[in-house]
């Protein structure tokens, strides 16, 4: 029974949509936020790609250089 009430509480968030329809400044803010999300998503994709490439480069450059035991102590520093 309490889950049903929690679901109804979640629907109270829809009041913001009703408010946005009547409040023109809020409409402008929401429109600009949605418009900027495209630029943010493009940047996020490029940042993720850059981080992935740098991780691969780091794994290639430093593979098997330092080995650790299970308690994080250095076993061998192979150069």
Protein backbone atom coordinates (compact mmCIF):
# COMPACT_ATOMS: atom_id res chain seq x y z
CA UNK A 1 0.00 0.00 0.00
CA UNK A 2 2.82 2.42 0.81
CA UNK A 3 4.36 1.79 -2.61
CA UNK A 4 1.20 3.05 -4.25
CA UNK A 5 1.43 6.26 -2.26
CA UNK A 6 5.07 6.66 -3.21
CA UNK A 7 4.11 6.30 -6.87
CA UNK A 8 1.51 9.01 -6.43
CA UNK A 9 4.11 11.24 -4.79
CA UNK A 10 6.33 10.76 -7.82
CA UNK A 11 3.50 12.02 -10.01
CA UNK A 12 3.58 15.29 -8.07
CA UNK A 13 6.66 16.13 -10.09
CA UNK A 14 4.35 16.58 -13.05
CA UNK A 15 3.19 19.81 -11.43
CA UNK A 16 6.38 21.39 -12.72
CA UNK A 17 5.16 20.78 -16.27
CA UNK A 18 1.88 22.51 -15.51
CA UNK A 19 3.83 25.39 -14.00
CA UNK A 20 6.09 25.61 -17.05
CA UNK A 21 3.10 26.04 -19.33
CA UNK A 22 1.86 29.07 -17.48
CA UNK A 23 5.21 30.65 -16.57
CA UNK A 24 6.88 32.02 -19.70
CA UNK A 25 10.26 32.74 -18.12
CA UNK A 26 10.45 29.14 -16.94
CA UNK A 27 9.65 28.05 -20.50
CA UNK A 28 12.61 30.09 -21.75
CA UNK A 29 14.92 28.58 -19.14
CA UNK A 30 13.80 25.04 -19.93
CA UNK A 31 14.15 25.62 -23.68
CA UNK A 32 17.70 26.94 -23.26
CA UNK A 33 18.58 24.05 -20.98
CA UNK A 34 17.35 21.50 -23.51
CA UNK A 35 19.18 23.32 -26.31
CA UNK A 36 22.45 23.31 -24.37
CA UNK A 37 22.14 19.59 -23.63
CA UNK A 38 23.06 18.88 -27.25
CA UNK A 39 26.36 20.70 -26.88
CA UNK A 40 27.02 19.04 -23.54
CA UNK A 41 26.33 15.60 -25.00
CA UNK A 42 28.74 16.23 -27.89
CA UNK A 43 31.43 17.29 -25.42
CA UNK A 44 30.73 14.24 -23.25
CA UNK A 45 31.18 11.89 -26.19
CA UNK A 46 34.47 13.53 -27.16
CA UNK A 47 35.69 13.49 -23.55
CA UNK A 48 34.80 9.81 -23.18
CA UNK A 49 36.58 8.96 -26.42
CA UNK A 50 39.67 10.90 -25.31
CA UNK A 51 39.71 9.15 -21.92
CA UNK A 52 39.34 5.74 -23.58
CA UNK A 53 42.21 6.40 -25.97
CA UNK A 54 44.44 7.69 -23.15
CA UNK A 55 43.61 4.60 -21.06
CA UNK A 56 44.59 2.34 -23.94
CA UNK A 57 47.80 4.30 -24.46
CA UNK A 58 48.65 4.08 -20.77
CA UNK A 59 48.00 0.33 -20.71
CA UNK A 60 50.24 -0.10 -23.74
CA UNK A 61 53.05 2.01 -22.36
CA UNK A 62 53.07 0.76 -18.77
CA UNK A 63 51.99 -2.88 -19.13
CA UNK A 64 54.03 -5.24 -16.92
CA UNK A 65 56.25 -2.43 -15.60
CA UNK A 66 55.09 -2.72 -12.00
CA UNK A 67 53.50 -5.74 -10.37
CA UNK A 68 51.58 -5.76 -7.09
CA UNK A 69 50.58 -8.43 -4.60
CA UNK A 70 47.09 -8.75 -3.19
CA UNK A 71 47.94 -6.39 -0.32
CA UNK A 72 49.16 -3.67 -2.76
CA UNK A 73 52.88 -4.01 -2.15
CA UNK A 74 55.26 -3.77 -5.11
CA UNK A 75 56.74 -7.15 -6.07
CA UNK A 76 58.89 -6.22 -9.04
CA UNK A 77 59.70 -3.06 -10.88
CA UNK A 78 60.53 -4.42 -14.32
CA UNK A 79 62.06 -1.91 -16.72
